[in-house]
Each structure stands twice: as structure tokens, then as C-alpha cells.
Amino acid sequence: MSIWNTALNILARREHSQSELLTKLQSRFPESLDEIENVLERLQEQGLQSDERYAQMWFNGQIAKYRGPKRIQYESRQKGISSRIEALLSQSEIDWCQLALDAVSRRYSNGASYDDKAKIYRFLSYRGFSGNMIQFAFDELHSQFKEHQDPL
């Protein structure tokens, strides 16, 4: 199979960044670096591969998974799209505190006590939220749980 057809097959399954596609093609065709670069350039010219499109799709997927800005930045570096993600992060109007609250609310749907604070902190920290965002989410979750517990 040719490099062009292999690249098309890879892109037919899902969007890839140029960096990811380069890595996959190099592993299959280690002796053809010049031809791989030509194929990548041709794919971009024809609009079949776009780091901009990939970054937007990937960013939206991370938000849907309740990931915080720190983790998004970290993982974007591994995918070779960090500059595009930085731009998306600066342009976005996402309420990160609310996203952290939504993430922890799903995890702790029955509420949380102060005993759960360390677990919640680790959970949200792993997801890439800052200390302020985590504190906001914990306080809100705790107050919501107390409202449902206290009789009027």
C-alpha cells in the first residue's frame, strides 16, 4: 500500500494532527521520510488534514470529558498542537469553575462531606483543574448537599 493510501486510511478513521500522522507513517515507512513529508503537505493543501480542525475537535472533546485547562495544555503538547490549543483556551469563554463543579457533581451525585475533600481534590487535580477551581467546586457541592439535607 502506498504512503498516500495509508494516510487516507488513517484519516478516514478519525482526524489526526500532522504530528500524529507523521509518527504513524514513519513507523510504517521508516525509509521514506521525504515522501511522507510530501504526502503530508499534499494532504494539507487539499484540506484532508488540518491541525486547526483537529485542535478544535480535540478541544471540544476534552471539555465534554470535563477536563481542566492544565490537563488540556499538557496533553496538547504531546499531540503537537499546543499553540493552537493555547489560542483556543485564550479565546474560550468556558467557566472552568462551573466545569469543575459539573465534573465533581457527576462523580459525587449523593453529595460530599468534608471527609471527601482529599478525594475530590485528587480527582479534580488529575483532571487538570487549579486549586481555586477545586475549592469552588467543593464548596458549591457541599452547600448543595447541605441544602438537600436541611429541612425548611
C-alpha atoms as a PDB file:
ATOM      1  CA  MET A   1       0.000   0.000   0.000  1.00  0.00           C
ATOM      2  CA  SER A   2       1.311   3.463  -0.826  1.00  0.00           C
ATOM      3  CA  ILE A   3       2.033   6.180   1.714  1.00  0.00           C
ATOM      4  CA  TRP A   4      -0.797   8.299   0.256  1.00  0.00           C
ATOM      5  CA  ASN A   5      -3.364   5.485   0.597  1.00  0.00           C
ATOM      6  CA  THR A   6      -2.151   4.622   4.087  1.00  0.00           C
ATOM      7  CA  ALA A   7      -2.506   8.268   5.138  1.00  0.00           C
ATOM      8  CA  LEU A   8      -6.025   8.425   3.678  1.00  0.00           C
ATOM      9  CA  ASN A   9      -6.991   5.230   5.500  1.00  0.00           C
ATOM     10  CA  ILE A  10      -5.673   6.628   8.784  1.00  0.00           C
ATOM     11  CA  LEU A  11      -7.571   9.902   8.284  1.00  0.00           C
ATOM     12  CA  ALA A  12     -10.738   8.058   7.264  1.00  0.00           C
ATOM     13  CA  ARG A  13     -10.980   6.570  10.761  1.00  0.00           C
ATOM     14  CA  ARG A  14     -10.588   9.873  12.629  1.00  0.00           C
ATOM     15  CA  GLU A  15      -8.952  13.288  12.451  1.00  0.00           C
ATOM     16  CA  HIS A  16      -5.223  13.350  13.270  1.00  0.00           C
ATOM     17  CA  SER A  17      -2.760  16.132  13.899  1.00  0.00           C
ATOM     18  CA  GLN A  18       0.118  16.403  11.460  1.00  0.00           C
ATOM     19  CA  SER A  19       2.467  15.262  14.216  1.00  0.00           C
ATOM     20  CA  GLU A  20       0.407  12.132  14.935  1.00  0.00           C
ATOM     21  CA  LEU A  21       0.095  11.321  11.261  1.00  0.00           C
ATOM     22  CA  LEU A  22       3.830  11.782  10.728  1.00  0.00           C
ATOM     23  CA  THR A  23       4.587   9.397  13.600  1.00  0.00           C
ATOM     24  CA  LYS A  24       2.214   6.739  12.283  1.00  0.00           C
ATOM     25  CA  LEU A  25       3.514   6.980   8.727  1.00  0.00           C
ATOM     26  CA  GLN A  26       7.160   6.902   9.860  1.00  0.00           C
ATOM     27  CA  SER A  27       6.522   3.703  11.803  1.00  0.00           C
ATOM     28  CA  ARG A  28       5.091   2.045   8.677  1.00  0.00           C
ATOM     29  CA  PHE A  29       7.502   3.562   6.140  1.00  0.00           C
ATOM     30  CA  PRO A  30      10.736   4.298   8.053  1.00  0.00           C
ATOM     31  CA  GLU A  31      12.856   4.692   4.909  1.00  0.00           C
ATOM     32  CA  SER A  32      10.606   7.223   3.136  1.00  0.00           C
ATOM     33  CA  LEU A  33      10.770  10.444   5.171  1.00  0.00           C
ATOM     34  CA  ASP A  34      10.921  12.761   2.131  1.00  0.00           C
ATOM     35  CA  GLU A  35       7.910  11.112   0.526  1.00  0.00           C
ATOM     36  CA  ILE A  36       5.987  11.221   3.829  1.00  0.00           C
ATOM     37  CA  GLU A  37       6.613  14.961   4.105  1.00  0.00           C
ATOM     38  CA  ASN A  38       5.358  15.438   0.525  1.00  0.00           C
ATOM     39  CA  VAL A  39       2.220  13.434   1.311  1.00  0.00           C
ATOM     40  CA  LEU A  40       1.562  15.470   4.476  1.00  0.00           C
ATOM     41  CA  GLU A  41       1.948  18.711   2.545  1.00  0.00           C
ATOM     42  CA  ARG A  42      -0.415  17.484  -0.178  1.00  0.00           C
ATOM     43  CA  LEU A  43      -2.998  16.404   2.416  1.00  0.00           C
ATOM     44  CA  GLN A  44      -2.926  19.873   3.966  1.00  0.00           C
ATOM     45  CA  GLU A  45      -3.177  21.617   0.590  1.00  0.00           C
ATOM     46  CA  GLN A  46      -6.235  19.557  -0.286  1.00  0.00           C
ATOM     47  CA  GLY A  47      -7.827  20.145   3.106  1.00  0.00           C
ATOM     48  CA  LEU A  48      -7.794  16.474   4.034  1.00  0.00           C
ATOM     49  CA  GLN A  49      -5.655  17.114   7.113  1.00  0.00           C
ATOM     50  CA  SER A  50      -5.847  20.248   9.206  1.00  0.00           C
ATOM     51  CA  ASP A  51      -4.236  20.869  12.569  1.00  0.00           C
ATOM     52  CA  GLU A  52      -6.694  23.724  13.107  1.00  0.00           C
ATOM     53  CA  ARG A  53      -9.704  21.452  12.581  1.00  0.00           C
ATOM     54  CA  TYR A  54      -8.138  18.683  14.655  1.00  0.00           C
ATOM     55  CA  ALA A  55      -7.338  21.064  17.532  1.00  0.00           C
ATOM     56  CA  GLN A  56     -10.905  22.392  17.633  1.00  0.00           C
ATOM     57  CA  MET A  57     -12.383  18.884  17.585  1.00  0.00           C
ATOM     58  CA  TRP A  58      -9.964  17.630  20.235  1.00  0.00           C
ATOM     59  CA  PHE A  59     -10.528  20.686  22.458  1.00  0.00           C
ATOM     60  CA  ASN A  60     -14.308  20.235  22.335  1.00  0.00           C
ATOM     61  CA  GLY A  61     -13.867  16.571  23.218  1.00  0.00           C
ATOM     62  CA  GLN A  62     -11.755  17.452  26.250  1.00  0.00           C
ATOM     63  CA  ILE A  63     -14.408  19.883  27.502  1.00  0.00           C
ATOM     64  CA  ALA A  64     -17.074  17.203  27.023  1.00  0.00           C
ATOM     65  CA  LYS A  65     -14.933  14.891  29.197  1.00  0.00           C
ATOM     66  CA  TYR A  66     -14.807  17.548  31.954  1.00  0.00           C
ATOM     67  CA  ARG A  67     -11.075  18.127  31.619  1.00  0.00           C
ATOM     68  CA  GLY A  68      -9.475  21.247  33.078  1.00  0.00           C
ATOM     69  CA  PRO A  69      -7.121  23.698  31.392  1.00  0.00           C
ATOM     70  CA  LYS A  70      -3.917  22.281  32.893  1.00  0.00           C
ATOM     71  CA  ARG A  71      -4.541  18.773  31.572  1.00  0.00           C
ATOM     72  CA  ILE A  72      -5.680  20.102  28.211  1.00  0.00           C
ATOM     73  CA  GLN A  73      -2.450  22.099  27.873  1.00  0.00           C
ATOM     74  CA  TYR A  74      -0.315  19.144  28.934  1.00  0.00           C
ATOM     75  CA  GLU A  75      -1.899  16.664  26.545  1.00  0.00           C
ATOM     76  CA  SER A  76      -1.904  19.147  23.665  1.00  0.00           C
ATOM     77  CA  ARG A  77       1.897  19.334  23.900  1.00  0.00           C
ATOM     78  CA  GLN A  78       2.076  15.572  23.419  1.00  0.00           C
ATOM     79  CA  LYS A  79      -0.115  15.813  20.325  1.00  0.00           C
ATOM     80  CA  GLY A  80       1.881  18.633  18.768  1.00  0.00           C
ATOM     81  CA  ILE A  81      -0.987  21.153  18.802  1.00  0.00           C
ATOM     82  CA  SER A  82      -0.123  23.209  21.881  1.00  0.00           C
ATOM     83  CA  SER A  83      -0.013  26.582  20.102  1.00  0.00           C
ATOM     84  CA  ARG A  84      -3.468  26.046  18.609  1.00  0.00           C
ATOM     85  CA  ILE A  85      -4.864  24.885  21.962  1.00  0.00           C
ATOM     86  CA  GLU A  86      -3.335  27.896  23.726  1.00  0.00           C
ATOM     87  CA  ALA A  87      -5.225  30.113  21.276  1.00  0.00           C
ATOM     88  CA  LEU A  88      -8.464  28.197  21.858  1.00  0.00           C
ATOM     89  CA  LEU A  89      -8.030  28.411  25.634  1.00  0.00           C
ATOM     90  CA  SER A  90      -7.481  32.163  25.499  1.00  0.00           C
ATOM     91  CA  GLN A  91     -10.499  32.693  23.207  1.00  0.00           C
ATOM     92  CA  SER A  92     -12.870  30.363  25.024  1.00  0.00           C
ATOM     93  CA  GLU A  93     -15.476  31.663  27.398  1.00  0.00           C
ATOM     94  CA  ILE A  94     -15.637  28.483  29.429  1.00  0.00           C
ATOM     95  CA  ASP A  95     -16.457  28.836  33.113  1.00  0.00           C
ATOM     96  CA  TRP A  96     -13.781  26.471  34.425  1.00  0.00           C
ATOM     97  CA  CYS A  97     -15.128  26.633  37.975  1.00  0.00           C
ATOM     98  CA  GLN A  98     -18.538  25.519  36.733  1.00  0.00           C
ATOM     99  CA  LEU A  99     -16.961  22.755  34.655  1.00  0.00           C
ATOM    100  CA  ALA A 100     -15.100  21.516  37.743  1.00  0.00           C
ATOM    101  CA  LEU A 101     -18.357  21.599  39.712  1.00  0.00           C
ATOM    102  CA  ASP A 102     -20.134  19.667  36.953  1.00  0.00           C
ATOM    103  CA  ALA A 103     -17.380  17.043  36.944  1.00  0.00           C
ATOM    104  CA  VAL A 104     -17.431  16.532  40.699  1.00  0.00           C
ATOM    105  CA  SER A 105     -21.250  16.656  40.827  1.00  0.00           C
ATOM    106  CA  ARG A 106     -21.408  13.736  38.412  1.00  0.00           C
ATOM    107  CA  ARG A 107     -18.878  11.793  40.461  1.00  0.00           C
ATOM    108  CA  TYR A 108     -20.440  12.599  43.836  1.00  0.00           C
ATOM    109  CA  SER A 109     -24.121  12.737  42.929  1.00  0.00           C
ATOM    110  CA  ASN A 110     -25.128  11.981  46.538  1.00  0.00           C
ATOM    111  CA  GLY A 111     -23.149  14.942  47.826  1.00  0.00           C
ATOM    112  CA  ALA A 112     -19.827  15.212  49.573  1.00  0.00           C
ATOM    113  CA  SER A 113     -18.677  15.713  53.101  1.00  0.00           C
ATOM    114  CA  TYR A 114     -15.519  17.342  54.345  1.00  0.00           C
ATOM    115  CA  ASP A 115     -14.122  13.814  54.700  1.00  0.00           C
ATOM    116  CA  ASP A 116     -14.260  13.544  50.896  1.00  0.00           C
ATOM    117  CA  LYS A 117     -12.265  16.733  50.362  1.00  0.00           C
ATOM    118  CA  ALA A 118      -8.951  14.969  49.693  1.00  0.00           C
ATOM    119  CA  LYS A 119     -10.590  12.573  47.227  1.00  0.00           C
ATOM    120  CA  ILE A 120     -12.297  15.430  45.415  1.00  0.00           C
ATOM    121  CA  TYR A 121      -9.085  17.423  45.315  1.00  0.00           C
ATOM    122  CA  ARG A 122      -7.167  14.489  43.781  1.00  0.00           C
ATOM    123  CA  PHE A 123      -9.992  13.756  41.342  1.00  0.00           C
ATOM    124  CA  LEU A 124     -10.209  17.329  40.041  1.00  0.00           C
ATOM    125  CA  SER A 125      -6.466  17.893  40.170  1.00  0.00           C
ATOM    126  CA  TYR A 126      -5.920  14.838  37.963  1.00  0.00           C
ATOM    127  CA  ARG A 127      -8.483  16.260  35.554  1.00  0.00           C
ATOM    128  CA  GLY A 128      -6.439  19.455  35.278  1.00  0.00           C
ATOM    129  CA  PHE A 129      -8.233  22.000  37.446  1.00  0.00           C
ATOM    130  CA  SER A 130      -6.421  24.569  39.603  1.00  0.00           C
ATOM    131  CA  GLY A 131      -6.713  24.858  43.382  1.00  0.00           C
ATOM    132  CA  ASN A 132      -9.156  27.787  43.186  1.00  0.00           C
ATOM    133  CA  MET A 133     -11.408  25.914  40.766  1.00  0.00           C
ATOM    134  CA  ILE A 134     -11.330  22.839  43.000  1.00  0.00           C
ATOM    135  CA  GLN A 135     -12.143  24.836  46.124  1.00  0.00           C
ATOM    136  CA  PHE A 136     -15.082  26.498  44.355  1.00  0.00           C
ATOM    137  CA  ALA A 137     -16.425  23.129  43.194  1.00  0.00           C
ATOM    138  CA  PHE A 138     -16.051  21.550  46.625  1.00  0.00           C
ATOM    139  CA  ASP A 139     -17.739  24.465  48.415  1.00  0.00           C
ATOM    140  CA  GLU A 140     -20.623  24.507  45.952  1.00  0.00           C
ATOM    141  CA  LEU A 141     -21.112  20.741  46.086  1.00  0.00           C
ATOM    142  CA  HIS A 142     -21.011  20.768  49.863  1.00  0.00           C
ATOM    143  CA  SER A 143     -23.533  23.618  50.103  1.00  0.00           C
ATOM    144  CA  GLN A 144     -25.865  21.945  47.585  1.00  0.00           C
ATOM    145  CA  PHE A 145     -25.762  18.727  49.579  1.00  0.00           C
ATOM    146  CA  LYS A 146     -26.494  20.613  52.827  1.00  0.00           C
ATOM    147  CA  GLU A 147     -29.492  22.362  51.215  1.00  0.00           C
ATOM    148  CA  HIS A 148     -30.984  18.996  50.302  1.00  0.00           C
ATOM    149  CA  GLN A 149     -30.333  17.603  53.782  1.00  0.00           C
ATOM    150  CA  ASP A 150     -31.702  20.505  55.867  1.00  0.00           C
ATOM    151  CA  PRO A 151     -35.483  20.654  56.245  1.00  0.00           C
ATOM    152  CA  LEU A 152     -37.058  24.025  55.518  1.00  0.00           C
END
